[in-house]
Every structure is written in C-alpha cells, then in structure tokens.
C-alpha atoms as a PDB file:
ATOM      1  CA  MET A   1      28.531 -10.235  41.534  1.00  0.00           C
ATOM      2  CA  ILE A   2      27.353 -11.976  38.692  1.00  0.00           C
ATOM      3  CA  LEU A   3      24.622  -9.870  38.023  1.00  0.00           C
ATOM      4  CA  VAL A   4      26.407  -6.737  38.047  1.00  0.00           C
ATOM      5  CA  LEU A   5      29.084  -8.232  35.890  1.00  0.00           C
ATOM      6  CA  PHE A   6      25.898  -9.283  33.408  1.00  0.00           C
ATOM      7  CA  LEU A   7      24.484  -5.722  33.591  1.00  0.00           C
ATOM      8  CA  LEU A   8      28.281  -3.882  32.437  1.00  0.00           C
ATOM      9  CA  GLY A   9      28.130  -6.379  29.565  1.00  0.00           C
ATOM     10  CA  ILE A  10      24.932  -4.909  28.592  1.00  0.00           C
ATOM     11  CA  VAL A  11      26.010  -1.580  29.043  1.00  0.00           C
ATOM     12  CA  ILE A  12      29.053  -1.871  27.284  1.00  0.00           C
ATOM     13  CA  VAL A  13      27.482  -3.841  24.165  1.00  0.00           C
ATOM     14  CA  ILE A  14      24.738  -0.988  24.004  1.00  0.00           C
ATOM     15  CA  ALA A  15      27.540   1.555  24.567  1.00  0.00           C
ATOM     16  CA  THR A  16      29.479   0.225  21.819  1.00  0.00           C
ATOM     17  CA  LEU A  17      26.504  -0.127  19.174  1.00  0.00           C
ATOM     18  CA  ILE A  18      25.797   3.692  20.204  1.00  0.00           C
ATOM     19  CA  ILE A  19      29.115   4.896  18.762  1.00  0.00           C
ATOM     20  CA  LEU A  20      29.356   2.411  15.779  1.00  0.00           C
ATOM     21  CA  VAL A  21      25.960   3.880  14.788  1.00  0.00           C
ATOM     22  CA  ILE A  22      27.225   7.384  15.371  1.00  0.00           C
ATOM     23  CA  ASN A  23      30.368   6.878  13.457  1.00  0.00           C
ATOM     24  CA  SER A  24      28.571   5.046  10.523  1.00  0.00           C
ATOM     25  CA  THR A  25      28.280   5.893   7.021  1.00  0.00           C
ATOM     26  CA  ILE A  26      26.453   5.366   4.400  1.00  0.00           C
ATOM     27  CA  GLN A  27      28.193   6.066   1.158  1.00  0.00           C
ATOM     28  CA  LEU A  28      26.832   5.983  -2.352  1.00  0.00           C
ATOM     29  CA  ASN A  29      29.365   5.531  -5.007  1.00  0.00           C
ATOM     30  CA  VAL A  30      27.353   7.179  -8.538  1.00  0.00           C
ATOM     31  CA  LYS A  31      29.356   4.914 -10.771  1.00  0.00           C
ATOM     32  CA  ASN A  32      27.267   5.793 -14.427  1.00  0.00           C
ATOM     33  CA  LEU A  33      24.000   7.595 -14.522  1.00  0.00           C
ATOM     34  CA  GLU A  34      22.687   8.291 -17.502  1.00  0.00           C
ATOM     35  CA  VAL A  35      18.826   9.399 -18.224  1.00  0.00           C
ATOM     36  CA  GLY A  36      17.326  10.878 -21.064  1.00  0.00           C
ATOM     37  CA  ASN A  37      15.317  11.185 -23.982  1.00  0.00           C
ATOM     38  CA  ILE A  38      17.882  11.652 -26.695  1.00  0.00           C
ATOM     39  CA  ASN A  39      19.215   8.120 -26.991  1.00  0.00           C
ATOM     40  CA  LYS A  40      17.160   5.767 -24.425  1.00  0.00           C
ATOM     41  CA  GLU A  41      19.183   2.812 -25.312  1.00  0.00           C
ATOM     42  CA  ASN A  42      21.766   4.333 -23.461  1.00  0.00           C
ATOM     43  CA  ASN A  43      19.888   4.921 -20.455  1.00  0.00           C
ATOM     44  CA  ASN A  44      21.654   3.109 -17.678  1.00  0.00           C
ATOM     45  CA  TYR A  45      22.739   3.546 -13.980  1.00  0.00           C
ATOM     46  CA  GLN A  46      25.221   1.498 -11.667  1.00  0.00           C
ATOM     47  CA  VAL A  47      25.543   2.705  -7.789  1.00  0.00           C
ATOM     48  CA  GLU A  48      27.593   1.192  -5.388  1.00  0.00           C
ATOM     49  CA  ILE A  49      26.266   1.359  -1.720  1.00  0.00           C
ATOM     50  CA  LEU A  50      28.681   1.055   1.119  1.00  0.00           C
ATOM     51  CA  LEU A  51      27.914   0.791   4.962  1.00  0.00           C
ATOM     52  CA  LYS A  52      31.297   2.165   6.381  1.00  0.00           C
ATOM     53  CA  VAL A  53      32.567   2.625  10.125  1.00  0.00           C
ATOM     54  CA  PHE A  54      34.785   5.718  11.127  1.00  0.00           C
ATOM     55  CA  ASP A  55      34.601   6.561   7.364  1.00  0.00           C
ATOM     56  CA  LYS A  56      37.038   3.992   6.769  1.00  0.00           C
ATOM     57  CA  PHE A  57      36.276  -0.106   7.311  1.00  0.00           C
ATOM     58  CA  THR A  58      33.255  -0.903   5.064  1.00  0.00           C
ATOM     59  CA  VAL A  59      30.989  -3.515   6.722  1.00  0.00           C
ATOM     60  CA  TYR A  60      28.674  -4.016   4.081  1.00  0.00           C
ATOM     61  CA  LYS A  61      28.498  -3.425   0.237  1.00  0.00           C
ATOM     62  CA  THR A  62      25.969  -3.880  -2.390  1.00  0.00           C
ATOM     63  CA  VAL A  63      25.652  -2.677  -6.205  1.00  0.00           C
ATOM     64  CA  VAL A  64      22.209  -1.445  -7.493  1.00  0.00           C
ATOM     65  CA  SER A  65      22.063  -1.389 -11.283  1.00  0.00           C
ATOM     66  CA  LYS A  66      19.204  -0.876 -13.603  1.00  0.00           C
ATOM     67  CA  GLU A  67      18.657  -4.522 -14.435  1.00  0.00           C
ATOM     68  CA  LYS A  68      18.521  -5.130 -10.645  1.00  0.00           C
ATOM     69  CA  ILE A  69      15.761  -2.705 -10.449  1.00  0.00           C
ATOM     70  CA  GLN A  70      13.836  -3.621 -13.519  1.00  0.00           C
ATOM     71  CA  LYS A  71      13.849  -7.315 -11.937  1.00  0.00           C
ATOM     72  CA  ILE A  72      12.593  -6.487  -8.979  1.00  0.00           C
ATOM     73  CA  TYR A  73      10.144  -4.420 -10.526  1.00  0.00           C
ATOM     74  CA  ASP A  74       9.053  -6.791 -12.963  1.00  0.00           C
ATOM     75  CA  SER A  75       8.580  -9.880 -10.101  1.00  0.00           C
ATOM     76  CA  LYS A  76       5.652 -11.703  -9.894  1.00  0.00           C
ATOM     77  CA  ILE A  77       5.493 -11.446  -6.005  1.00  0.00           C
ATOM     78  CA  LEU A  78       5.497  -7.597  -6.154  1.00  0.00           C
ATOM     79  CA  LYS A  79       2.548  -7.451  -9.112  1.00  0.00           C
ATOM     80  CA  LYS A  80       0.748  -9.565  -6.537  1.00  0.00           C
ATOM     81  CA  LEU A  81       1.066  -7.397  -3.317  1.00  0.00           C
ATOM     82  CA  HIS A  82       0.517  -4.367  -5.500  1.00  0.00           C
ATOM     83  CA  ILE A  83       3.060  -2.693  -3.760  1.00  0.00           C
ATOM     84  CA  LYS A  84       4.154  -0.717  -7.125  1.00  0.00           C
ATOM     85  CA  GLN A  85       0.791   1.340  -7.017  1.00  0.00           C
ATOM     86  CA  ASP A  86       1.656   2.110  -2.890  1.00  0.00           C
ATOM     87  CA  LEU A  87       4.906   3.278  -3.874  1.00  0.00           C
ATOM     88  CA  LYS A  88       3.323   5.757  -5.987  1.00  0.00           C
ATOM     89  CA  ASN A  89       0.925   6.966  -4.156  1.00  0.00           C
ATOM     90  CA  GLU A  90       3.703   6.989  -1.348  1.00  0.00           C
ATOM     91  CA  ILE A  91       6.329   9.034  -2.973  1.00  0.00           C
ATOM     92  CA  LYS A  92       3.303  11.572  -4.427  1.00  0.00           C
ATOM     93  CA  PHE A  93       2.428  11.803  -0.839  1.00  0.00           C
ATOM     94  CA  ARG A  94       6.118  12.904   0.411  1.00  0.00           C
ATOM     95  CA  LYS A  95       6.837  15.510  -2.506  1.00  0.00           C
ATOM     96  CA  GLN A  96       5.829  18.086   0.090  1.00  0.00           C
ATOM     97  CA  GLU A  97       8.093  16.914   2.593  1.00  0.00           C
ATOM     98  CA  PHE A  98      11.098  16.317   0.802  1.00  0.00           C
ATOM     99  CA  LEU A  99      12.934  19.334   0.870  1.00  0.00           C
ATOM    100  CA  GLU A 100      12.506  19.214   4.923  1.00  0.00           C
ATOM    101  CA  ILE A 101      14.052  15.359   4.856  1.00  0.00           C
ATOM    102  CA  LEU A 102      16.700  16.441   2.712  1.00  0.00           C
ATOM    103  CA  LYS A 103      17.579  19.352   5.135  1.00  0.00           C
ATOM    104  CA  ARG A 104      17.757  16.809   8.265  1.00  0.00           C
ATOM    105  CA  VAL A 105      19.240  14.098   6.550  1.00  0.00           C
ATOM    106  CA  GLN A 106      22.592  16.199   5.912  1.00  0.00           C
ATOM    107  CA  ILE A 107      24.041  14.991   2.430  1.00  0.00           C
ATOM    108  CA  GLU A 108      27.655  15.399   1.931  1.00  0.00           C
ATOM    109  CA  ILE A 109      28.921  15.695  -1.255  1.00  0.00           C
ATOM    110  CA  VAL A 110      32.515  14.390  -1.701  1.00  0.00           C
ATOM    111  CA  LYS A 111      32.752  14.067  -6.000  1.00  0.00           C
ATOM    112  CA  PHE A 112      30.616  15.612  -8.086  1.00  0.00           C
ATOM    113  CA  ASN A 113      30.451  15.490 -12.141  1.00  0.00           C
ATOM    114  CA  LEU A 114      27.194  16.631 -13.651  1.00  0.00           C
ATOM    115  CA  LYS A 115      26.133  17.440 -17.695  1.00  0.00           C
ATOM    116  CA  ILE A 116      22.795  18.362 -18.453  1.00  0.00           C
ATOM    117  CA  ASN A 117      21.492  19.031 -22.136  1.00  0.00           C
ATOM    118  CA  ILE A 118      18.777  20.368 -22.588  1.00  0.00           C
ATOM    119  CA  GLY A 119      16.373  21.713 -25.067  1.00  0.00           C
ATOM    120  CA  LEU A 120      12.849  23.077 -25.539  1.00  0.00           C
ATOM    121  CA  GLU A 121      10.624  24.168 -28.389  1.00  0.00           C
ATOM    122  CA  ASP A 122      11.220  27.673 -27.329  1.00  0.00           C
ATOM    123  CA  ALA A 123      14.712  28.646 -27.651  1.00  0.00           C
ATOM    124  CA  ALA A 124      14.331  31.727 -25.625  1.00  0.00           C
ATOM    125  CA  ILE A 125      12.749  29.619 -22.862  1.00  0.00           C
ATOM    126  CA  THR A 126      15.522  26.931 -23.377  1.00  0.00           C
ATOM    127  CA  ALA A 127      18.125  29.989 -22.631  1.00  0.00           C
ATOM    128  CA  LEU A 128      15.770  30.640 -19.481  1.00  0.00           C
ATOM    129  CA  VAL A 129      16.046  27.064 -17.977  1.00  0.00           C
ATOM    130  CA  VAL A 130      19.693  26.778 -18.349  1.00  0.00           C
ATOM    131  CA  GLY A 131      20.612  29.931 -16.665  1.00  0.00           C
ATOM    132  CA  GLY A 132      18.097  29.155 -14.010  1.00  0.00           C
ATOM    133  CA  LEU A 133      19.262  25.183 -13.721  1.00  0.00           C
ATOM    134  CA  SER A 134      23.210  26.835 -13.259  1.00  0.00           C
ATOM    135  CA  SER A 135      22.241  29.343 -10.703  1.00  0.00           C
ATOM    136  CA  ILE A 136      19.831  26.662  -8.314  1.00  0.00           C
ATOM    137  CA  ILE A 137      22.744  24.379  -8.453  1.00  0.00           C
ATOM    138  CA  SER A 138      25.561  27.063  -7.635  1.00  0.00           C
ATOM    139  CA  ILE A 139      23.216  27.975  -4.821  1.00  0.00           C
ATOM    140  CA  ILE A 140      22.717  24.783  -3.444  1.00  0.00           C
ATOM    141  CA  LEU A 141      26.011  23.072  -4.082  1.00  0.00           C
ATOM    142  CA  PRO A 142      28.053  25.233  -1.592  1.00  0.00           C
ATOM    143  CA  PHE A 143      25.570  23.883   1.420  1.00  0.00           C
ATOM    144  CA  LEU A 144      26.281  20.092   0.457  1.00  0.00           C
ATOM    145  CA  LEU A 145      30.250  20.540  -0.157  1.00  0.00           C
ATOM    146  CA  LYS A 146      32.852  21.094   2.272  1.00  0.00           C
ATOM    147  CA  PRO A 147      35.764  23.495   0.897  1.00  0.00           C
ATOM    148  CA  ALA A 148      38.195  20.636   0.632  1.00  0.00           C
ATOM    149  CA  ASN A 149      35.889  18.924  -1.942  1.00  0.00           C
ATOM    150  CA  LEU A 150      35.041  21.765  -4.204  1.00  0.00           C
ATOM    151  CA  LYS A 151      37.857  21.288  -6.201  1.00  0.00           C
ATOM    152  CA  LYS A 152      36.201  17.542  -7.003  1.00  0.00           C
ATOM    153  CA  CYS A 153      32.952  19.358  -7.567  1.00  0.00           C
ATOM    154  CA  LYS A 154      32.054  19.828 -11.747  1.00  0.00           C
ATOM    155  CA  TYR A 155      28.693  20.501 -13.664  1.00  0.00           C
ATOM    156  CA  CYS A 156      27.754  21.974 -17.103  1.00  0.00           C
ATOM    157  CA  ILE A 157      24.423  22.413 -18.447  1.00  0.00           C
ATOM    158  CA  MET A 158      24.138  22.479 -22.266  1.00  0.00           C
ATOM    159  CA  PRO A 159      21.647  24.108 -24.137  1.00  0.00           C
ATOM    160  CA  ILE A 160      20.361  21.968 -27.500  1.00  0.00           C
ATOM    161  CA  TYR A 161      18.299  24.472 -29.669  1.00  0.00           C
ATOM    162  CA  MET A 162      16.399  22.165 -32.261  1.00  0.00           C
ATOM    163  CA  GLN A 163      13.098  23.341 -31.273  1.00  0.00           C
ATOM    164  CA  ARG A 164      12.256  20.110 -29.406  1.00  0.00           C
ATOM    165  CA  ASN A 165      12.068  18.856 -25.810  1.00  0.00           C
ATOM    166  CA  LEU A 166      14.819  16.971 -25.324  1.00  0.00           C
ATOM    167  CA  TYR A 167      17.033  16.182 -22.452  1.00  0.00           C
ATOM    168  CA  ASN A 168      20.052  14.213 -21.378  1.00  0.00           C
ATOM    169  CA  ILE A 169      21.574  13.694 -17.538  1.00  0.00           C
ATOM    170  CA  LYS A 170      24.891  12.403 -16.887  1.00  0.00           C
ATOM    171  CA  LEU A 171      25.888  11.939 -13.369  1.00  0.00           C
ATOM    172  CA  LYS A 172      28.995  10.413 -11.626  1.00  0.00           C
ATOM    173  CA  GLY A 173      30.222  11.067  -8.016  1.00  0.00           C
ATOM    174  CA  ILE A 174      30.312  10.222  -3.815  1.00  0.00           C
ATOM    175  CA  ILE A 175      27.492  11.132  -1.781  1.00  0.00           C
ATOM    176  CA  LYS A 176      28.172  10.301   1.830  1.00  0.00           C
ATOM    177  CA  LEU A 177      24.792  10.086   4.555  1.00  0.00           C
ATOM    178  CA  LYS A 178      25.456   9.764   8.239  1.00  0.00           C
ATOM    179  CA  VAL A 179      23.254   6.539   9.469  1.00  0.00           C
ATOM    180  CA  VAL A 180      22.121   8.898  12.473  1.00  0.00           C
ATOM    181  CA  HIS A 181      20.520  11.402  10.850  1.00  0.00           C
ATOM    182  CA  ILE A 182      18.731   8.821   8.560  1.00  0.00           C
ATOM    183  CA  ILE A 183      17.419   6.538  11.697  1.00  0.00           C
ATOM    184  CA  TYR A 184      16.400  10.259  13.346  1.00  0.00           C
ATOM    185  CA  VAL A 185      14.635  11.440   9.953  1.00  0.00           C
ATOM    186  CA  ILE A 186      12.624   7.993   9.881  1.00  0.00           C
ATOM    187  CA  TYR A 187      11.815   8.439  13.649  1.00  0.00           C
ATOM    188  CA  ILE A 188      10.259  11.668  12.685  1.00  0.00           C
ATOM    189  CA  LEU A 189       8.441  10.491   9.907  1.00  0.00           C
ATOM    190  CA  VAL A 190       7.029   7.378  11.910  1.00  0.00           C
ATOM    191  CA  LYS A 191       5.960   9.733  14.823  1.00  0.00           C
ATOM    192  CA  LYS A 192       4.027  12.184  12.433  1.00  0.00           C
ATOM    193  CA  GLY A 193       2.550   9.115  10.529  1.00  0.00           C
ATOM    194  CA  ARG A 194       1.103   8.203  14.181  1.00  0.00           C
ATOM    195  CA  ASP A 195       0.039  11.797  15.170  1.00  0.00           C
ATOM    196  CA  GLU A 196      -1.803  12.200  11.522  1.00  0.00           C
ATOM    197  CA  ASN A 197      -3.261   8.594  12.505  1.00  0.00           C
ATOM    198  CA  GLU A 198      -4.415   9.570  15.503  1.00  0.00           C
ATOM    199  CA  ARG A 199      -5.951  12.851  14.780  1.00  0.00           C
ATOM    200  CA  ALA A 200      -7.816  10.889  11.817  1.00  0.00           C
ATOM    201  CA  SER A 201      -9.140   8.355  14.439  1.00  0.00           C
ATOM    202  CA  ASN A 202     -10.379  11.082  16.841  1.00  0.00           C
ATOM    203  CA  ARG A 203     -12.256  12.867  13.932  1.00  0.00           C
ATOM    204  CA  ARG A 204     -13.798   9.560  13.058  1.00  0.00           C
ATOM    205  CA  THR A 205     -14.740   9.360  16.790  1.00  0.00           C
ATOM    206  CA  TYR A 206     -16.609  12.928  16.804  1.00  0.00           C
ATOM    207  CA  ASP A 207     -18.288  12.339  13.751  1.00  0.00           C
ATOM    208  CA  TYR A 208     -20.210   9.383  15.122  1.00  0.00           C
ATOM    209  CA  SER A 209     -21.026  11.514  18.367  1.00  0.00           C
ATOM    210  CA  ASN A 210     -24.027  13.403  19.447  1.00  0.00           C
ATOM    211  CA  GLY A 211     -23.831  16.362  21.461  1.00  0.00           C
ATOM    212  CA  PHE A 212     -26.576  17.291  24.244  1.00  0.00           C
ATOM    213  CA  ASN A 213     -27.020  20.556  25.408  1.00  0.00           C
END
C-alpha cells in the first residue's frame, strides 16, 4: 500500500511538472533598446526577463542591462576560460540555423515599437534599403503577431541622406516564448550535435583503417 502511494505521488509530481512546463512562458520586456553609430553615447538597453506560469503568475524575474553584460564580458574569470572566443565561434557556426530555430521557437510578439534611421553613401541605395527593410518587416510581422496585437505594433524606417554610413535603431516591445518550444529546440540542437560528432568519429575510424580484398 505504501509503495502504491509512493508511486502515485511520483506520478502526480511528474504530471504537475509537465503541466507547469507546458503552461510556462518566458516574457521579454524590452524597456529601451537603442544602438547606432550616430551618437554612440546613447547606445543602451534594458530587458526584463520574466518566467510566467499560465501567462499570469510571475515566478522569476531578472533585468538584463548593458552595464551587467559588460561586467560579465570584462570579468577576469571569463577571460581566463576563453569563453568569449568560443561564444563568437559558436555564434558564427549557428548563423545558418538561425531561421530554422526562429521557426521552431514560435516567437509571439505582443507589443512592438521600432524606429530605424539609416543612411548610406549612395542616396539611391539608401532608398532601396529603406524600402526593402519595410517590405521584410511587413511580411514577417503577421506571422509573429496575433490579430489582437496588430494595433500594438508600430514601426518606422526613415532614410538619412547625408552621403555617410549612418544608422540608429530604437526598439521597445514585449516578446513571449513558450518554455516547451525552447526545450524542444535545445533537444533538436543537442541531438544534431551528437549526430555530427558520431559522423566525425566514424570518419576518423575509417581514415585509420585499411581495406583488404
């Protein structure tokens, strides 16, 4: 009887954890993000990261800012471990998989306020770039926005005709990601990494073998 109750308790705990994971959401509140080369002193960002359950109850909250990231990046421990270079190499390696990851994560944009000022040395190319960016954003946004959130979405792309390479990007918004989708993407990436390592290991094994007829 005790064993049955113990197993039942384990089942209940596992089922509760699964329900919580399925109904957990990571919410990114982009308070103020500004990057550009027009006035680099204004470059800054602050992002709130919230872990929510049932999209209502916040169980964890942290704030990521430029100052915090800079402290981590400049830390002596990070330098000793050579993690910065490893991260750069990993980012370069994963660029090809970015679109696939983006599709699988199923990002939901709740609020979106984007302003881009951009200029190139050639005025004609500047006009083409501005038009191209506007078209790309107008195509992508409907896939990431629910109909109810369309009114909360604003973006403006303005050209700078000064015959110089200039840009400035300002962003505020709210982005949500389901924890279960993130776990699935991590699983896919880990599985793919293992498969690649196994193939590489098999190739090395064949390289050192001799065939006899």
